[in-house]
Amino acid sequence: MKELRVYILGVPFDYGIQLINGRPGARFGPKKIKEALCALIKNQKNLPSIHYENITPVKKNVQKTHERVTASVVKILKAGEVPIVIGGGHDISFGSVQALAIFYKKIGQINIDAHYDVRPVEGGKITSGTPFRRLLDGGFLSGKNFVELGIHSPKNLEEHRNYLVKKKATLIKLDYINRIGLEKSCDKALSIASKNTHAVAFDIDIDGVQKRFAPGCSAPGIQGFTKKQICTLAYRAGKNKHVQLFNLMEVSPVYDRKNKTVRLAAELIVCFMRGMNER
């Protein structure tokens, strides 16, 4: 069996959050998460081999920073490694998912998030709320293979929901997941995202987790997944052979409490890698 290798790519860039008037600070996430991850895996065995690298972002230039992310992720994929991209703002996922689409041609996407993140680009501002609209409108992703998993924020606009419905995306709300079961919901999402595609991108925006477990983000909320639930989702994504990209976004150490969110992010990466070992 071919050895599974992961390549952790840090993108210390949160200008996309600032452009949407969010609380900046996620640019410090990659460094802190890497430190926590190194401490966590120090004495652990049976994990895939790991490479680390950081992107140097282009100051106050979202588009050029995304271009650097895309170029790096394409190189990682060509090397036969599974990229784990750590932000930074969620806008960064446009760059990494675009790379997956360039490499695999036809892809699916699962987004775990409190928000839809399908805002239109207005006035040339590419914000952390725009990645999936840009991917869908750009032809990199089909709505039929796009799943919003665990949506729960009351701040989501009806017009954004209508856009997703028009694109034939699948919206699986948090209350539905809690009603029918987490594993069943995850399997449904993976089945939709992988149908007639060559690879799947799996995103976790940390604001999809309850703030008692993940206070360190731009927009924490009372509702969301529990720590146990989000770790299970990361593990199941890692276990699924179709998932070839893991994006972990918007961890903001500036607002963290006792390093709780940073440690959770590191645990999610380990859960994903443990799942990979069972492919």
C-alpha atoms as a PDB file:
ATOM      1  CA  MET A   1       0.000   0.000   0.000  1.00  0.00           C
ATOM      2  CA  LYS A   2       1.250   3.456  -0.915  1.00  0.00           C
ATOM      3  CA  GLU A   3       2.347   5.524   2.086  1.00  0.00           C
ATOM      4  CA  LEU A   4      -0.042   8.367   2.840  1.00  0.00           C
ATOM      5  CA  ARG A   5       1.677  11.705   3.333  1.00  0.00           C
ATOM      6  CA  VAL A   6       0.220  15.028   4.413  1.00  0.00           C
ATOM      7  CA  TYR A   7       1.579  18.470   3.683  1.00  0.00           C
ATOM      8  CA  ILE A   8       0.512  21.183   6.101  1.00  0.00           C
ATOM      9  CA  LEU A   9       0.407  24.563   4.418  1.00  0.00           C
ATOM     10  CA  GLY A  10       0.002  27.587   6.691  1.00  0.00           C
ATOM     11  CA  VAL A  11      -1.457  30.783   5.264  1.00  0.00           C
ATOM     12  CA  PRO A  12      -1.046  33.599   7.828  1.00  0.00           C
ATOM     13  CA  PHE A  13      -3.454  36.005   6.134  1.00  0.00           C
ATOM     14  CA  ASP A  14      -6.688  37.517   7.431  1.00  0.00           C
ATOM     15  CA  TYR A  15      -7.161  40.603   5.266  1.00  0.00           C
ATOM     16  CA  GLY A  16     -10.289  38.971   3.798  1.00  0.00           C
ATOM     17  CA  ILE A  17     -11.779  39.000   7.308  1.00  0.00           C
ATOM     18  CA  GLN A  18     -10.929  42.666   7.728  1.00  0.00           C
ATOM     19  CA  LEU A  19     -12.635  43.496   4.418  1.00  0.00           C
ATOM     20  CA  ILE A  20     -15.894  42.049   5.728  1.00  0.00           C
ATOM     21  CA  ASN A  21     -15.512  44.029   8.980  1.00  0.00           C
ATOM     22  CA  GLY A  22     -14.731  40.907  10.970  1.00  0.00           C
ATOM     23  CA  ARG A  23     -12.291  40.693  13.864  1.00  0.00           C
ATOM     24  CA  PRO A  24      -8.754  40.148  12.531  1.00  0.00           C
ATOM     25  CA  GLY A  25      -6.339  37.793  14.264  1.00  0.00           C
ATOM     26  CA  ALA A  26      -6.578  34.555  12.263  1.00  0.00           C
ATOM     27  CA  ARG A  27      -3.247  35.364  10.616  1.00  0.00           C
ATOM     28  CA  PHE A  28      -1.655  34.142  13.843  1.00  0.00           C
ATOM     29  CA  GLY A  29      -3.459  30.788  13.606  1.00  0.00           C
ATOM     30  CA  PRO A  30      -1.028  28.743  11.481  1.00  0.00           C
ATOM     31  CA  LYS A  31       1.976  29.337  13.744  1.00  0.00           C
ATOM     32  CA  LYS A  32       0.109  28.560  16.965  1.00  0.00           C
ATOM     33  CA  ILE A  33      -1.626  25.503  15.513  1.00  0.00           C
ATOM     34  CA  LYS A  34       1.667  24.093  14.259  1.00  0.00           C
ATOM     35  CA  GLU A  35       3.204  24.528  17.734  1.00  0.00           C
ATOM     36  CA  ALA A  36       0.233  22.754  19.351  1.00  0.00           C
ATOM     37  CA  LEU A  37       0.287  20.003  16.736  1.00  0.00           C
ATOM     38  CA  CYS A  38       4.002  19.314  17.202  1.00  0.00           C
ATOM     39  CA  ALA A  39       3.462  18.982  20.951  1.00  0.00           C
ATOM     40  CA  LEU A  40       0.418  16.755  20.435  1.00  0.00           C
ATOM     41  CA  ILE A  41       2.035  14.260  18.049  1.00  0.00           C
ATOM     42  CA  LYS A  42       5.447  14.205  19.722  1.00  0.00           C
ATOM     43  CA  ASN A  43       4.981  10.749  21.213  1.00  0.00           C
ATOM     44  CA  GLN A  44       2.262   9.418  18.938  1.00  0.00           C
ATOM     45  CA  LYS A  45       2.758   6.633  16.436  1.00  0.00           C
ATOM     46  CA  ASN A  46       0.994   5.409  13.311  1.00  0.00           C
ATOM     47  CA  LEU A  47       0.363   8.825  11.792  1.00  0.00           C
ATOM     48  CA  PRO A  48       1.151   9.770   8.180  1.00  0.00           C
ATOM     49  CA  SER A  49       4.454  11.533   7.582  1.00  0.00           C
ATOM     50  CA  ILE A  50       4.080  15.323   7.679  1.00  0.00           C
ATOM     51  CA  HIS A  51       5.710  18.196   5.836  1.00  0.00           C
ATOM     52  CA  TYR A  52       5.249  21.827   6.860  1.00  0.00           C
ATOM     53  CA  GLU A  53       5.418  25.057   4.893  1.00  0.00           C
ATOM     54  CA  ASN A  54       4.064  28.588   5.192  1.00  0.00           C
ATOM     55  CA  ILE A  55       2.882  30.792   2.359  1.00  0.00           C
ATOM     56  CA  THR A  56       4.177  34.349   2.417  1.00  0.00           C
ATOM     57  CA  PRO A  57       1.028  36.362   1.704  1.00  0.00           C
ATOM     58  CA  VAL A  58       0.952  39.498  -0.415  1.00  0.00           C
ATOM     59  CA  LYS A  59       0.120  42.335   1.956  1.00  0.00           C
ATOM     60  CA  LYS A  60      -3.468  43.565   1.550  1.00  0.00           C
ATOM     61  CA  ASN A  61      -3.836  41.695  -1.740  1.00  0.00           C
ATOM     62  CA  VAL A  62      -6.307  38.835  -1.467  1.00  0.00           C
ATOM     63  CA  GLN A  63      -6.209  37.769  -5.103  1.00  0.00           C
ATOM     64  CA  LYS A  64      -2.424  37.507  -5.348  1.00  0.00           C
ATOM     65  CA  THR A  65      -2.265  35.671  -2.039  1.00  0.00           C
ATOM     66  CA  HIS A  66      -4.824  33.181  -3.350  1.00  0.00           C
ATOM     67  CA  GLU A  67      -2.716  32.699  -6.477  1.00  0.00           C
ATOM     68  CA  ARG A  68       0.225  31.723  -4.275  1.00  0.00           C
ATOM     69  CA  VAL A  69      -1.966  29.278  -2.367  1.00  0.00           C
ATOM     70  CA  THR A  70      -3.209  27.699  -5.605  1.00  0.00           C
ATOM     71  CA  ALA A  71       0.311  27.293  -6.981  1.00  0.00           C
ATOM     72  CA  SER A  72       1.560  25.695  -3.752  1.00  0.00           C
ATOM     73  CA  VAL A  73      -1.365  23.292  -3.424  1.00  0.00           C
ATOM     74  CA  VAL A  74      -1.019  22.151  -7.049  1.00  0.00           C
ATOM     75  CA  LYS A  75       2.651  21.319  -6.335  1.00  0.00           C
ATOM     76  CA  ILE A  76       1.647  19.377  -3.215  1.00  0.00           C
ATOM     77  CA  LEU A  77      -0.939  17.378  -5.133  1.00  0.00           C
ATOM     78  CA  LYS A  78       1.530  16.623  -7.930  1.00  0.00           C
ATOM     79  CA  ALA A  79       3.919  15.281  -5.295  1.00  0.00           C
ATOM     80  CA  GLY A  80       1.257  12.787  -4.227  1.00  0.00           C
ATOM     81  CA  GLU A  81       0.624  14.367  -0.832  1.00  0.00           C
ATOM     82  CA  VAL A  82      -2.661  15.337   0.818  1.00  0.00           C
ATOM     83  CA  PRO A  83      -2.698  19.070   1.603  1.00  0.00           C
ATOM     84  CA  ILE A  84      -3.989  20.379   4.910  1.00  0.00           C
ATOM     85  CA  VAL A  85      -4.335  24.136   4.542  1.00  0.00           C
ATOM     86  CA  ILE A  86      -4.508  26.241   7.700  1.00  0.00           C
ATOM     87  CA  GLY A  87      -5.771  29.839   7.680  1.00  0.00           C
ATOM     88  CA  GLY A  88      -6.206  32.599   8.029  1.00  0.00           C
ATOM     89  CA  GLY A  89      -9.513  33.782   6.667  1.00  0.00           C
ATOM     90  CA  HIS A  90     -11.927  31.417   4.959  1.00  0.00           C
ATOM     91  CA  ASP A  91     -11.400  33.242   1.670  1.00  0.00           C
ATOM     92  CA  ILE A  92      -8.141  31.233   1.435  1.00  0.00           C
ATOM     93  CA  SER A  93     -10.181  28.141   0.608  1.00  0.00           C
ATOM     94  CA  PHE A  94     -10.835  29.593  -2.833  1.00  0.00           C
ATOM     95  CA  GLY A  95      -7.129  29.256  -3.607  1.00  0.00           C
ATOM     96  CA  SER A  96      -6.762  25.714  -2.299  1.00  0.00           C
ATOM     97  CA  VAL A  97     -10.013  24.364  -3.751  1.00  0.00           C
ATOM     98  CA  GLN A  98      -9.221  25.968  -7.096  1.00  0.00           C
ATOM     99  CA  ALA A  99      -5.965  23.992  -7.047  1.00  0.00           C
ATOM    100  CA  LEU A 100      -7.888  20.777  -6.361  1.00  0.00           C
ATOM    101  CA  ALA A 101     -10.142  21.526  -9.338  1.00  0.00           C
ATOM    102  CA  ILE A 102      -7.157  22.240 -11.572  1.00  0.00           C
ATOM    103  CA  PHE A 103      -5.528  18.949 -10.593  1.00  0.00           C
ATOM    104  CA  TYR A 104      -8.561  16.628 -10.449  1.00  0.00           C
ATOM    105  CA  LYS A 105     -10.859  18.450 -12.932  1.00  0.00           C
ATOM    106  CA  LYS A 106     -14.148  17.439 -11.318  1.00  0.00           C
ATOM    107  CA  ILE A 107     -14.465  17.883  -7.563  1.00  0.00           C
ATOM    108  CA  GLY A 108     -16.932  18.008  -4.695  1.00  0.00           C
ATOM    109  CA  GLN A 109     -16.936  20.173  -1.580  1.00  0.00           C
ATOM    110  CA  ILE A 110     -18.180  19.910   1.993  1.00  0.00           C
ATOM    111  CA  ASN A 111     -18.223  23.064   4.094  1.00  0.00           C
ATOM    112  CA  ILE A 112     -18.693  22.896   7.860  1.00  0.00           C
ATOM    113  CA  ASP A 113     -19.526  26.418   8.895  1.00  0.00           C
ATOM    114  CA  ALA A 114     -21.989  28.631  10.704  1.00  0.00           C
ATOM    115  CA  HIS A 115     -22.349  30.620   7.478  1.00  0.00           C
ATOM    116  CA  TYR A 116     -22.937  29.944   3.789  1.00  0.00           C
ATOM    117  CA  ASP A 117     -19.913  32.011   2.637  1.00  0.00           C
ATOM    118  CA  VAL A 118     -21.477  32.721  -0.748  1.00  0.00           C
ATOM    119  CA  ARG A 119     -21.486  36.498  -0.617  1.00  0.00           C
ATOM    120  CA  PRO A 120     -20.982  38.198  -3.972  1.00  0.00           C
ATOM    121  CA  VAL A 121     -17.782  40.132  -4.607  1.00  0.00           C
ATOM    122  CA  GLU A 122     -18.768  43.789  -4.396  1.00  0.00           C
ATOM    123  CA  GLY A 123     -16.552  46.711  -5.273  1.00  0.00           C
ATOM    124  CA  GLY A 124     -13.707  44.313  -6.010  1.00  0.00           C
ATOM    125  CA  LYS A 125     -13.515  43.238  -2.357  1.00  0.00           C
ATOM    126  CA  ILE A 126     -12.780  39.519  -2.057  1.00  0.00           C
ATOM    127  CA  THR A 127     -13.742  38.801   1.548  1.00  0.00           C
ATOM    128  CA  SER A 128     -13.815  35.762   3.816  1.00  0.00           C
ATOM    129  CA  GLY A 129     -17.517  35.473   2.998  1.00  0.00           C
ATOM    130  CA  THR A 130     -17.030  34.935  -0.751  1.00  0.00           C
ATOM    131  CA  PRO A 131     -15.045  31.705  -1.380  1.00  0.00           C
ATOM    132  CA  PHE A 132     -17.795  29.300  -2.418  1.00  0.00           C
ATOM    133  CA  ARG A 133     -19.647  31.756  -4.605  1.00  0.00           C
ATOM    134  CA  ARG A 134     -16.403  32.401  -6.474  1.00  0.00           C
ATOM    135  CA  LEU A 135     -15.822  28.660  -6.843  1.00  0.00           C
ATOM    136  CA  LEU A 136     -19.375  27.986  -8.027  1.00  0.00           C
ATOM    137  CA  ASP A 137     -19.585  30.943 -10.400  1.00  0.00           C
ATOM    138  CA  GLY A 138     -16.075  30.280 -11.675  1.00  0.00           C
ATOM    139  CA  GLY A 139     -16.974  26.761 -12.760  1.00  0.00           C
ATOM    140  CA  PHE A 140     -14.519  25.089 -10.384  1.00  0.00           C
ATOM    141  CA  LEU A 141     -17.315  23.474  -8.410  1.00  0.00           C
ATOM    142  CA  SER A 142     -20.797  22.209  -9.296  1.00  0.00           C
ATOM    143  CA  GLY A 143     -23.643  22.959  -6.939  1.00  0.00           C
ATOM    144  CA  LYS A 144     -24.779  19.342  -7.230  1.00  0.00           C
ATOM    145  CA  ASN A 145     -21.580  18.312  -5.435  1.00  0.00           C
ATOM    146  CA  PHE A 146     -21.526  21.118  -2.864  1.00  0.00           C
ATOM    147  CA  VAL A 147     -22.760  20.463   0.675  1.00  0.00           C
ATOM    148  CA  GLU A 148     -23.175  23.028   3.436  1.00  0.00           C
ATOM    149  CA  LEU A 149     -22.998  20.848   6.552  1.00  0.00           C
ATOM    150  CA  GLY A 150     -24.211  22.139   9.911  1.00  0.00           C
ATOM    151  CA  ILE A 151     -25.457  25.589   8.908  1.00  0.00           C
ATOM    152  CA  HIS A 152     -27.004  27.329  11.911  1.00  0.00           C
ATOM    153  CA  SER A 153     -26.322  31.064  12.039  1.00  0.00           C
ATOM    154  CA  PRO A 154     -29.423  33.315  12.120  1.00  0.00           C
ATOM    155  CA  LYS A 155     -27.321  35.915  10.283  1.00  0.00           C
ATOM    156  CA  ASN A 156     -27.383  33.972   7.003  1.00  0.00           C
ATOM    157  CA  LEU A 157     -29.318  35.926   4.409  1.00  0.00           C
ATOM    158  CA  GLU A 158     -32.289  34.435   2.561  1.00  0.00           C
ATOM    159  CA  GLU A 159     -30.843  35.653  -0.743  1.00  0.00           C
ATOM    160  CA  HIS A 160     -27.724  33.549  -0.130  1.00  0.00           C
ATOM    161  CA  ARG A 161     -29.859  30.500   0.601  1.00  0.00           C
ATOM    162  CA  ASN A 162     -31.835  31.132  -2.577  1.00  0.00           C
ATOM    163  CA  TYR A 163     -28.582  31.376  -4.540  1.00  0.00           C
ATOM    164  CA  LEU A 164     -27.508  27.959  -3.243  1.00  0.00           C
ATOM    165  CA  VAL A 165     -30.893  26.411  -3.964  1.00  0.00           C
ATOM    166  CA  LYS A 166     -30.689  27.754  -7.514  1.00  0.00           C
ATOM    167  CA  LYS A 167     -27.243  26.160  -7.834  1.00  0.00           C
ATOM    168  CA  LYS A 168     -28.753  22.862  -6.567  1.00  0.00           C
ATOM    169  CA  ALA A 169     -26.444  22.738  -3.562  1.00  0.00           C
ATOM    170  CA  THR A 170     -27.347  20.606  -0.529  1.00  0.00           C
ATOM    171  CA  LEU A 171     -28.004  22.419   2.751  1.00  0.00           C
ATOM    172  CA  ILE A 172     -27.906  20.222   5.847  1.00  0.00           C
ATOM    173  CA  LYS A 173     -28.815  22.267   8.904  1.00  0.00           C
ATOM    174  CA  LEU A 174     -27.474  21.589  12.375  1.00  0.00           C
ATOM    175  CA  ASP A 175     -30.875  20.824  13.902  1.00  0.00           C
ATOM    176  CA  TYR A 176     -31.488  18.211  11.188  1.00  0.00           C
ATOM    177  CA  ILE A 177     -28.095  16.605  11.931  1.00  0.00           C
ATOM    178  CA  ASN A 178     -28.864  16.450  15.643  1.00  0.00           C
ATOM    179  CA  ARG A 179     -32.212  14.857  14.809  1.00  0.00           C
ATOM    180  CA  ILE A 180     -31.108  12.101  12.394  1.00  0.00           C
ATOM    181  CA  GLY A 181     -27.575  11.530  13.686  1.00  0.00           C
ATOM    182  CA  LEU A 182     -24.091  12.839  12.982  1.00  0.00           C
ATOM    183  CA  GLU A 183     -22.600   9.828  11.204  1.00  0.00           C
ATOM    184  CA  LYS A 184     -25.618   9.394   8.935  1.00  0.00           C
ATOM    185  CA  SER A 185     -25.466  13.103   8.016  1.00  0.00           C
ATOM    186  CA  CYS A 186     -21.717  12.946   7.354  1.00  0.00           C
ATOM    187  CA  ASP A 187     -22.103   9.877   5.141  1.00  0.00           C
ATOM    188  CA  LYS A 188     -24.852  11.642   3.200  1.00  0.00           C
ATOM    189  CA  ALA A 189     -22.634  14.702   2.679  1.00  0.00           C
ATOM    190  CA  LEU A 190     -19.676  12.592   1.542  1.00  0.00           C
ATOM    191  CA  SER A 191     -21.869  10.624  -0.837  1.00  0.00           C
ATOM    192  CA  ILE A 192     -23.224  13.799  -2.473  1.00  0.00           C
ATOM    193  CA  ALA A 193     -19.822  15.486  -2.702  1.00  0.00           C
ATOM    194  CA  SER A 194     -18.104  12.423  -4.174  1.00  0.00           C
ATOM    195  CA  LYS A 195     -20.774  11.415  -6.699  1.00  0.00           C
ATOM    196  CA  ASN A 196     -19.235  11.425 -10.199  1.00  0.00           C
ATOM    197  CA  THR A 197     -16.242  13.446  -8.963  1.00  0.00           C
ATOM    198  CA  HIS A 198     -12.540  12.635  -8.695  1.00  0.00           C
ATOM    199  CA  ALA A 199     -11.801  14.305  -5.349  1.00  0.00           C
ATOM    200  CA  VAL A 200     -13.493  16.121  -2.464  1.00  0.00           C
ATOM    201  CA  ALA A 201     -12.431  19.197  -0.499  1.00  0.00           C
ATOM    202  CA  PHE A 202     -13.392  19.187   3.180  1.00  0.00           C
ATOM    203  CA  ASP A 203     -13.589  22.511   5.014  1.00  0.00           C
ATOM    204  CA  ILE A 204     -13.951  23.316   8.694  1.00  0.00           C
ATOM    205  CA  ASP A 205     -14.484  26.944   9.601  1.00  0.00           C
ATOM    206  CA  ILE A 206     -13.952  26.904  13.351  1.00  0.00           C
ATOM    207  CA  ASP A 207     -16.962  29.191  13.922  1.00  0.00           C
ATOM    208  CA  GLY A 208     -19.074  26.132  13.122  1.00  0.00           C
ATOM    209  CA  VAL A 209     -18.134  24.867  16.596  1.00  0.00           C
ATOM    210  CA  GLN A 210     -19.806  26.049  19.813  1.00  0.00           C
ATOM    211  CA  LYS A 211     -17.854  28.921  21.374  1.00  0.00           C
ATOM    212  CA  ARG A 212     -17.449  27.044  24.671  1.00  0.00           C
ATOM    213  CA  PHE A 213     -15.126  24.723  22.728  1.00  0.00           C
ATOM    214  CA  ALA A 214     -13.805  27.276  20.204  1.00  0.00           C
ATOM    215  CA  PRO A 215     -13.902  30.846  21.503  1.00  0.00           C
ATOM    216  CA  GLY A 216     -10.898  31.867  19.391  1.00  0.00           C
ATOM    217  CA  CYS A 217     -12.472  32.980  16.128  1.00  0.00           C
ATOM    218  CA  SER A 218     -13.788  36.076  14.419  1.00  0.00           C
ATOM    219  CA  ALA A 219     -17.471  35.237  14.930  1.00  0.00           C
ATOM    220  CA  PRO A 220     -18.025  32.780  17.821  1.00  0.00           C
ATOM    221  CA  GLY A 221     -21.558  31.546  18.505  1.00  0.00           C
ATOM    222  CA  ILE A 222     -23.438  29.658  21.190  1.00  0.00           C
ATOM    223  CA  GLN A 223     -24.790  27.145  18.691  1.00  0.00           C
ATOM    224  CA  GLY A 224     -22.675  24.765  16.651  1.00  0.00           C
ATOM    225  CA  PHE A 225     -21.003  21.373  16.801  1.00  0.00           C
ATOM    226  CA  THR A 226     -19.589  20.036  20.042  1.00  0.00           C
ATOM    227  CA  LYS A 227     -15.923  19.113  20.313  1.00  0.00           C
ATOM    228  CA  LYS A 228     -16.766  15.422  20.088  1.00  0.00           C
ATOM    229  CA  GLN A 229     -18.908  15.964  16.984  1.00  0.00           C
ATOM    230  CA  ILE A 230     -16.363  18.037  15.076  1.00  0.00           C
ATOM    231  CA  CYS A 231     -13.568  15.580  15.880  1.00  0.00           C
ATOM    232  CA  THR A 232     -15.748  12.740  14.589  1.00  0.00           C
ATOM    233  CA  LEU A 233     -16.391  14.646  11.363  1.00  0.00           C
ATOM    234  CA  ALA A 234     -12.677  15.301  10.832  1.00  0.00           C
ATOM    235  CA  TYR A 235     -11.912  11.627  11.421  1.00  0.00           C
ATOM    236  CA  ARG A 236     -14.589  10.428   9.008  1.00  0.00           C
ATOM    237  CA  ALA A 237     -13.372  12.855   6.363  1.00  0.00           C
ATOM    238  CA  GLY A 238      -9.834  11.552   6.760  1.00  0.00           C
ATOM    239  CA  LYS A 239     -11.068   7.982   6.448  1.00  0.00           C
ATOM    240  CA  ASN A 240     -12.854   8.666   3.161  1.00  0.00           C
ATOM    241  CA  LYS A 241     -10.584   8.032   0.177  1.00  0.00           C
ATOM    242  CA  HIS A 242     -12.292  10.726  -1.901  1.00  0.00           C
ATOM    243  CA  VAL A 243     -11.215  13.537   0.439  1.00  0.00           C
ATOM    244  CA  GLN A 244      -7.961  14.919  -0.961  1.00  0.00           C
ATOM    245  CA  LEU A 245      -7.897  18.368   0.673  1.00  0.00           C
ATOM    246  CA  PHE A 246      -8.592  19.515   4.235  1.00  0.00           C
ATOM    247  CA  ASN A 247      -9.027  23.250   4.885  1.00  0.00           C
ATOM    248  CA  LEU A 248      -9.064  24.416   8.517  1.00  0.00           C
ATOM    249  CA  MET A 249      -9.923  28.091   8.762  1.00  0.00           C
ATOM    250  CA  GLU A 250     -10.434  31.130  11.003  1.00  0.00           C
ATOM    251  CA  VAL A 251      -8.740  30.030  14.231  1.00  0.00           C
ATOM    252  CA  SER A 252      -7.846  33.326  15.893  1.00  0.00           C
ATOM    253  CA  PRO A 253      -5.436  32.971  18.852  1.00  0.00           C
ATOM    254  CA  VAL A 254      -5.981  36.652  19.704  1.00  0.00           C
ATOM    255  CA  TYR A 255      -9.455  35.812  21.059  1.00  0.00           C
ATOM    256  CA  ASP A 256      -8.691  32.348  22.400  1.00  0.00           C
ATOM    257  CA  ARG A 257      -9.035  31.306  26.027  1.00  0.00           C
ATOM    258  CA  LYS A 258      -6.309  29.159  27.545  1.00  0.00           C
ATOM    259  CA  ASN A 259      -5.288  28.036  24.045  1.00  0.00           C
ATOM    260  CA  LYS A 260      -8.524  26.030  23.809  1.00  0.00           C
ATOM    261  CA  THR A 261      -9.296  26.707  20.140  1.00  0.00           C
ATOM    262  CA  VAL A 262      -5.711  26.246  19.004  1.00  0.00           C
ATOM    263  CA  ARG A 263      -5.509  22.869  20.740  1.00  0.00           C
ATOM    264  CA  LEU A 264      -8.817  21.824  19.208  1.00  0.00           C
ATOM    265  CA  ALA A 265      -7.502  22.732  15.741  1.00  0.00           C
ATOM    266  CA  ALA A 266      -4.435  20.557  16.340  1.00  0.00           C
ATOM    267  CA  GLU A 267      -6.673  17.698  17.511  1.00  0.00           C
ATOM    268  CA  LEU A 268      -8.788  18.025  14.356  1.00  0.00           C
ATOM    269  CA  ILE A 269      -5.689  17.597  12.214  1.00  0.00           C
ATOM    270  CA  VAL A 270      -4.721  14.484  14.188  1.00  0.00           C
ATOM    271  CA  CYS A 271      -8.273  13.109  13.843  1.00  0.00           C
ATOM    272  CA  PHE A 272      -8.124  13.652  10.100  1.00  0.00           C
ATOM    273  CA  MET A 273      -4.733  11.905   9.860  1.00  0.00           C
ATOM    274  CA  ARG A 274      -5.930   8.979  11.996  1.00  0.00           C
ATOM    275  CA  GLY A 275      -8.799   8.575   9.586  1.00  0.00           C
ATOM    276  CA  MET A 276      -6.342   8.611   6.675  1.00  0.00           C
ATOM    277  CA  ASN A 277      -4.520   5.676   8.231  1.00  0.00           C
ATOM    278  CA  GLU A 278      -7.704   3.616   7.880  1.00  0.00           C
ATOM    279  CA  ARG A 279      -8.194   4.205   4.156  1.00  0.00           C
END
